[in-house]
Amino acid sequence: MNAQSIANQKAVSSALGLPQDTAEEDKSSSEDEWEEMVPVDIDESNAKDVQVTLKEKGEKDWWAIYLRQEVNKCVRENWENAHKVNILCYIGHLQYLRKVALEENLVPSLMLTTV
């Protein structure tokens, strides 16, 4: 091993938070686990044929598609209307709170109680 590879291993092990001796033990144990590999003929692995089957797209029923689109359109419009009503209710509630706080002298009385 050269000094540069040892320095790299120390940097990696310190970045990972491992003690220095643990990194060296892992390296020595990984060297013991190497197995010899059997060379493989590349032509044998590439000789396999692949067959792909595609399903034909059947004609879609245009009436069913149209009905589904119309139903989705109605659902979307109902959701948007409910959302608009919700926002209007919040605006009305805030106007009520503003009226109570400002017109009934609530703010000045609260300011005087904190003094």
N, C-alpha and C. Protein backbone atom coordinates (compact mmCIF):
# COMPACT_ATOMS: atom_id res chain seq x y z
N MET A 1 0.84 -1.19 0.00
CA MET A 1 0.00 0.00 0.00
C MET A 1 0.87 1.23 0.00
N ASN A 2 0.42 2.20 -0.76
CA ASN A 2 1.19 3.44 -0.75
C ASN A 2 0.57 4.41 0.25
N ALA A 3 1.26 5.49 0.48
CA ALA A 3 0.84 6.45 1.51
C ALA A 3 -0.45 7.15 1.14
N GLN A 4 -0.65 7.36 -0.17
CA GLN A 4 -1.86 8.07 -0.60
C GLN A 4 -3.12 7.23 -0.33
N SER A 5 -3.07 5.92 -0.61
CA SER A 5 -4.24 5.08 -0.36
C SER A 5 -4.53 4.97 1.14
N ILE A 6 -3.49 4.93 1.96
CA ILE A 6 -3.69 4.89 3.41
C ILE A 6 -4.33 6.19 3.89
N ALA A 7 -3.88 7.30 3.33
CA ALA A 7 -4.46 8.60 3.70
C ALA A 7 -5.92 8.67 3.27
N ASN A 8 -6.24 8.13 2.09
CA ASN A 8 -7.63 8.11 1.63
C ASN A 8 -8.50 7.27 2.55
N GLN A 9 -7.98 6.11 2.97
CA GLN A 9 -8.74 5.24 3.87
C GLN A 9 -8.98 5.92 5.22
N LYS A 10 -7.97 6.62 5.72
CA LYS A 10 -8.13 7.32 6.98
C LYS A 10 -9.16 8.43 6.86
N ALA A 11 -9.14 9.14 5.73
CA ALA A 11 -10.11 10.23 5.53
C ALA A 11 -11.53 9.68 5.45
N VAL A 12 -11.70 8.57 4.74
CA VAL A 12 -13.03 7.97 4.62
C VAL A 12 -13.51 7.45 5.96
N SER A 13 -12.64 6.77 6.70
CA SER A 13 -13.05 6.22 7.98
C SER A 13 -13.34 7.33 9.00
N SER A 14 -12.58 8.43 8.94
CA SER A 14 -12.88 9.53 9.86
C SER A 14 -14.17 10.24 9.46
N ALA A 15 -14.46 10.32 8.15
CA ALA A 15 -15.71 10.94 7.70
C ALA A 15 -16.91 10.09 8.10
N LEU A 16 -16.75 8.78 8.11
CA LEU A 16 -17.83 7.88 8.50
C LEU A 16 -17.92 7.71 10.01
N GLY A 17 -16.93 8.21 10.73
CA GLY A 17 -16.93 8.10 12.17
C GLY A 17 -16.44 6.76 12.67
N LEU A 18 -15.70 6.03 11.84
CA LEU A 18 -15.17 4.73 12.24
C LEU A 18 -13.80 4.91 12.88
N PRO A 19 -13.47 4.11 13.86
CA PRO A 19 -12.11 4.13 14.37
C PRO A 19 -11.14 3.65 13.30
N GLN A 20 -9.89 4.08 13.40
CA GLN A 20 -8.90 3.75 12.37
C GLN A 20 -8.65 2.26 12.28
N ASP A 21 -8.58 1.55 13.40
CA ASP A 21 -8.27 0.12 13.36
C ASP A 21 -9.43 -0.69 12.76
N THR A 22 -10.65 -0.22 12.89
CA THR A 22 -11.79 -0.93 12.32
C THR A 22 -11.71 -0.92 10.81
N ALA A 23 -11.32 0.19 10.23
CA ALA A 23 -11.20 0.29 8.77
C ALA A 23 -10.14 -0.68 8.27
N GLU A 24 -9.03 -0.80 9.01
CA GLU A 24 -7.97 -1.71 8.59
C GLU A 24 -8.42 -3.17 8.73
N GLU A 25 -9.20 -3.49 9.78
CA GLU A 25 -9.71 -4.85 9.94
C GLU A 25 -10.67 -5.20 8.82
N ASP A 26 -11.53 -4.26 8.43
CA ASP A 26 -12.47 -4.51 7.35
C ASP A 26 -11.73 -4.77 6.04
N LYS A 27 -10.65 -4.04 5.81
CA LYS A 27 -9.90 -4.22 4.58
C LYS A 27 -9.23 -5.59 4.55
N SER A 28 -8.64 -5.99 5.69
CA SER A 28 -7.96 -7.28 5.72
C SER A 28 -8.96 -8.43 5.60
N SER A 29 -10.14 -8.28 6.20
CA SER A 29 -11.13 -9.35 6.10
C SER A 29 -11.71 -9.42 4.70
N SER A 30 -11.83 -8.27 4.02
CA SER A 30 -12.38 -8.29 2.66
C SER A 30 -11.37 -8.91 1.69
N GLU A 31 -10.08 -8.77 1.98
CA GLU A 31 -9.08 -9.40 1.12
C GLU A 31 -9.15 -10.92 1.25
N ASP A 32 -9.50 -11.43 2.44
CA ASP A 32 -9.58 -12.87 2.65
C ASP A 32 -10.80 -13.48 1.95
N GLU A 33 -11.82 -12.67 1.69
CA GLU A 33 -13.06 -13.18 1.13
C GLU A 33 -13.07 -13.26 -0.39
N TRP A 34 -12.02 -12.86 -1.05
CA TRP A 34 -11.99 -12.89 -2.52
C TRP A 34 -12.05 -14.33 -3.01
N GLU A 35 -12.83 -14.56 -4.04
CA GLU A 35 -12.92 -15.88 -4.66
C GLU A 35 -12.42 -15.77 -6.09
N GLU A 36 -11.94 -16.89 -6.57
CA GLU A 36 -11.51 -16.89 -7.96
C GLU A 36 -12.72 -16.97 -8.86
N MET A 37 -12.67 -16.25 -9.97
CA MET A 37 -13.81 -16.21 -10.88
C MET A 37 -13.52 -17.06 -12.10
N VAL A 38 -14.57 -17.67 -12.62
CA VAL A 38 -14.46 -18.49 -13.81
C VAL A 38 -14.77 -17.61 -15.01
N PRO A 39 -13.91 -17.60 -16.02
CA PRO A 39 -14.20 -16.77 -17.20
C PRO A 39 -15.44 -17.28 -17.93
N VAL A 40 -16.24 -16.36 -18.43
CA VAL A 40 -17.48 -16.69 -19.11
C VAL A 40 -17.36 -16.27 -20.57
N ASP A 41 -17.90 -17.12 -21.45
CA ASP A 41 -17.90 -16.79 -22.87
C ASP A 41 -18.99 -15.76 -23.13
N ILE A 42 -18.61 -14.64 -23.70
CA ILE A 42 -19.55 -13.55 -23.93
C ILE A 42 -20.59 -13.93 -24.98
N ASP A 43 -20.21 -14.73 -25.97
CA ASP A 43 -21.14 -15.10 -27.04
C ASP A 43 -22.31 -15.92 -26.49
N GLU A 44 -22.08 -16.75 -25.49
CA GLU A 44 -23.16 -17.56 -24.92
C GLU A 44 -24.20 -16.70 -24.21
N SER A 45 -23.76 -15.68 -23.50
CA SER A 45 -24.71 -14.86 -22.76
C SER A 45 -25.52 -13.95 -23.68
N ASN A 46 -24.98 -13.59 -24.83
CA ASN A 46 -25.70 -12.71 -25.75
C ASN A 46 -26.55 -13.47 -26.75
N ALA A 47 -26.49 -14.79 -26.75
CA ALA A 47 -27.19 -15.59 -27.76
C ALA A 47 -28.67 -15.80 -27.43
N LYS A 48 -29.14 -15.35 -26.29
CA LYS A 48 -30.52 -15.58 -25.90
C LYS A 48 -31.45 -14.68 -26.71
N ASP A 49 -32.60 -15.27 -27.14
CA ASP A 49 -33.60 -14.51 -27.87
C ASP A 49 -34.64 -13.97 -26.90
N VAL A 50 -35.18 -12.83 -27.24
CA VAL A 50 -36.21 -12.21 -26.42
C VAL A 50 -37.45 -12.04 -27.27
N GLN A 51 -38.59 -12.44 -26.73
CA GLN A 51 -39.83 -12.32 -27.45
C GLN A 51 -40.74 -11.34 -26.69
N VAL A 52 -41.27 -10.36 -27.42
CA VAL A 52 -42.12 -9.35 -26.83
C VAL A 52 -43.49 -9.42 -27.48
N THR A 53 -44.52 -9.48 -26.66
CA THR A 53 -45.88 -9.49 -27.20
C THR A 53 -46.59 -8.23 -26.74
N LEU A 54 -47.28 -7.59 -27.65
CA LEU A 54 -48.01 -6.37 -27.35
C LEU A 54 -49.50 -6.63 -27.48
N LYS A 55 -50.24 -6.11 -26.54
CA LYS A 55 -51.69 -6.25 -26.61
C LYS A 55 -52.24 -5.18 -27.55
N GLU A 56 -53.19 -5.58 -28.36
CA GLU A 56 -53.82 -4.61 -29.25
C GLU A 56 -54.79 -3.76 -28.45
N LYS A 57 -54.77 -2.49 -28.75
CA LYS A 57 -55.70 -1.60 -28.07
C LYS A 57 -57.05 -1.74 -28.74
N GLY A 58 -58.01 -2.12 -27.94
CA GLY A 58 -59.36 -2.27 -28.46
C GLY A 58 -60.01 -0.90 -28.64
N GLU A 59 -61.04 -0.85 -29.43
CA GLU A 59 -61.75 0.40 -29.61
C GLU A 59 -62.45 0.77 -28.31
N LYS A 60 -62.27 2.00 -27.91
CA LYS A 60 -62.88 2.45 -26.67
C LYS A 60 -64.29 2.92 -26.98
N ASP A 61 -65.14 2.69 -26.03
CA ASP A 61 -66.53 3.12 -26.17
C ASP A 61 -66.58 4.63 -25.94
N TRP A 62 -66.84 5.39 -26.98
CA TRP A 62 -66.80 6.84 -26.89
C TRP A 62 -67.89 7.37 -25.97
N TRP A 63 -69.01 6.66 -25.87
CA TRP A 63 -70.09 7.10 -25.00
C TRP A 63 -69.67 6.99 -23.53
N ALA A 64 -68.99 5.92 -23.17
CA ALA A 64 -68.53 5.74 -21.79
C ALA A 64 -67.50 6.81 -21.44
N ILE A 65 -66.62 7.10 -22.39
CA ILE A 65 -65.61 8.14 -22.15
C ILE A 65 -66.28 9.49 -21.95
N TYR A 66 -67.26 9.80 -22.79
CA TYR A 66 -67.98 11.07 -22.69
C TYR A 66 -68.69 11.19 -21.35
N LEU A 67 -69.37 10.13 -20.93
CA LEU A 67 -70.08 10.16 -19.65
C LEU A 67 -69.12 10.34 -18.47
N ARG A 68 -67.98 9.64 -18.53
CA ARG A 68 -67.00 9.77 -17.45
C ARG A 68 -66.47 11.20 -17.38
N GLN A 69 -66.21 11.82 -18.54
CA GLN A 69 -65.73 13.20 -18.56
C GLN A 69 -66.76 14.16 -17.98
N GLU A 70 -68.04 13.94 -18.33
CA GLU A 70 -69.09 14.81 -17.81
C GLU A 70 -69.26 14.66 -16.30
N VAL A 71 -69.18 13.43 -15.82
CA VAL A 71 -69.29 13.21 -14.37
C VAL A 71 -68.12 13.87 -13.66
N ASN A 72 -66.91 13.70 -14.19
CA ASN A 72 -65.73 14.33 -13.58
C ASN A 72 -65.85 15.85 -13.60
N LYS A 73 -66.44 16.39 -14.67
CA LYS A 73 -66.63 17.83 -14.78
C LYS A 73 -67.57 18.32 -13.67
N CYS A 74 -68.67 17.60 -13.45
CA CYS A 74 -69.62 17.98 -12.40
C CYS A 74 -68.99 17.88 -11.02
N VAL A 75 -68.23 16.83 -10.78
CA VAL A 75 -67.57 16.66 -9.49
C VAL A 75 -66.59 17.80 -9.25
N ARG A 76 -65.82 18.15 -10.27
CA ARG A 76 -64.84 19.23 -10.14
C ARG A 76 -65.54 20.57 -9.88
N GLU A 77 -66.65 20.85 -10.59
CA GLU A 77 -67.39 22.09 -10.36
C GLU A 77 -67.96 22.14 -8.95
N ASN A 78 -68.48 21.03 -8.45
CA ASN A 78 -69.01 21.00 -7.08
C ASN A 78 -67.91 21.24 -6.06
N TRP A 79 -66.73 20.66 -6.29
CA TRP A 79 -65.61 20.87 -5.37
C TRP A 79 -65.20 22.33 -5.37
N GLU A 80 -65.13 22.95 -6.56
CA GLU A 80 -64.74 24.36 -6.64
C GLU A 80 -65.77 25.25 -5.95
N ASN A 81 -67.05 24.96 -6.14
CA ASN A 81 -68.09 25.76 -5.49
C ASN A 81 -68.02 25.62 -3.97
N ALA A 82 -67.78 24.42 -3.47
CA ALA A 82 -67.65 24.22 -2.02
C ALA A 82 -66.44 24.99 -1.49
N HIS A 83 -65.36 25.02 -2.25
CA HIS A 83 -64.16 25.75 -1.85
C HIS A 83 -64.45 27.26 -1.78
N LYS A 84 -65.19 27.76 -2.77
CA LYS A 84 -65.54 29.18 -2.79
C LYS A 84 -66.41 29.54 -1.59
N VAL A 85 -67.38 28.69 -1.26
CA VAL A 85 -68.25 28.93 -0.11
C VAL A 85 -67.42 28.94 1.18
N ASN A 86 -66.47 28.04 1.29
CA ASN A 86 -65.62 27.97 2.47
C ASN A 86 -64.84 29.28 2.64
N ILE A 87 -64.29 29.79 1.55
CA ILE A 87 -63.53 31.05 1.61
C ILE A 87 -64.45 32.20 2.00
N LEU A 88 -65.66 32.25 1.42
CA LEU A 88 -66.60 33.31 1.77
C LEU A 88 -66.99 33.25 3.25
N CYS A 89 -67.15 32.06 3.79
CA CYS A 89 -67.47 31.92 5.22
C CYS A 89 -66.33 32.44 6.09
N TYR A 90 -65.08 32.15 5.70
CA TYR A 90 -63.94 32.67 6.46
C TYR A 90 -63.89 34.19 6.40
N ILE A 91 -64.17 34.76 5.23
CA ILE A 91 -64.16 36.22 5.11
C ILE A 91 -65.24 36.82 6.00
N GLY A 92 -66.44 36.24 5.99
CA GLY A 92 -67.51 36.73 6.85
C GLY A 92 -67.16 36.63 8.32
N HIS A 93 -66.53 35.55 8.72
CA HIS A 93 -66.13 35.38 10.11
C HIS A 93 -65.09 36.42 10.52
N LEU A 94 -64.14 36.69 9.64
CA LEU A 94 -63.12 37.70 9.94
C LEU A 94 -63.74 39.09 10.03
N GLN A 95 -64.71 39.38 9.17
CA GLN A 95 -65.39 40.68 9.26
C GLN A 95 -66.14 40.81 10.59
N TYR A 96 -66.74 39.74 11.04
CA TYR A 96 -67.43 39.75 12.33
C TYR A 96 -66.44 40.01 13.47
N LEU A 97 -65.31 39.32 13.43
CA LEU A 97 -64.31 39.51 14.48
C LEU A 97 -63.77 40.94 14.47
N ARG A 98 -63.56 41.50 13.28
CA ARG A 98 -63.09 42.88 13.17
C ARG A 98 -64.12 43.83 13.77
N LYS A 99 -65.39 43.60 13.48
CA LYS A 99 -66.46 44.45 13.99
C LYS A 99 -66.50 44.40 15.52
N VAL A 100 -66.42 43.21 16.07
CA VAL A 100 -66.46 43.06 17.53
C VAL A 100 -65.25 43.73 18.17
N ALA A 101 -64.09 43.55 17.58
CA ALA A 101 -62.86 44.07 18.18
C ALA A 101 -62.79 45.59 18.10
N LEU A 102 -63.18 46.19 16.98
CA LEU A 102 -63.00 47.62 16.80
C LEU A 102 -64.20 48.45 17.25
N GLU A 103 -65.41 48.01 16.96
CA GLU A 103 -66.57 48.84 17.24
C GLU A 103 -67.02 48.74 18.69
N GLU A 104 -66.68 47.73 19.38
CA GLU A 104 -67.11 47.59 20.77
C GLU A 104 -65.99 47.94 21.75
N ASN A 105 -64.97 48.64 21.27
CA ASN A 105 -63.87 49.13 22.10
C ASN A 105 -63.17 48.00 22.85
N LEU A 106 -63.05 46.88 22.21
CA LEU A 106 -62.39 45.74 22.85
C LEU A 106 -60.88 45.95 22.91
N VAL A 107 -60.30 46.49 21.84
CA VAL A 107 -58.85 46.66 21.79
C VAL A 107 -58.39 47.67 22.83
N PRO A 108 -59.00 48.86 22.94
CA PRO A 108 -58.52 49.79 23.99
C PRO A 108 -58.68 49.24 25.40
N SER A 109 -59.76 48.51 25.64
CA SER A 109 -59.94 47.96 26.99
C SER A 109 -58.90 46.89 27.29
N LEU A 110 -58.54 46.10 26.30
CA LEU A 110 -57.49 45.10 26.50
C LEU A 110 -56.14 45.77 26.72
N MET A 111 -55.91 46.88 26.02
CA MET A 111 -54.64 47.59 26.20
C MET A 111 -54.55 48.19 27.60
N LEU A 112 -55.65 48.65 28.14
CA LEU A 112 -55.63 49.23 29.48
C LEU A 112 -55.45 48.17 30.56
N THR A 113 -55.93 46.95 30.30
CA THR A 113 -55.79 45.91 31.32
C THR A 113 -54.36 45.40 31.41
N THR A 114 -53.57 45.56 30.37
CA THR A 114 -52.19 45.07 30.43
C THR A 114 -51.26 46.06 31.10
N VAL A 115 -51.71 47.30 31.32
CA VAL A 115 -50.86 48.33 31.93
C VAL A 115 -50.76 48.15 33.40
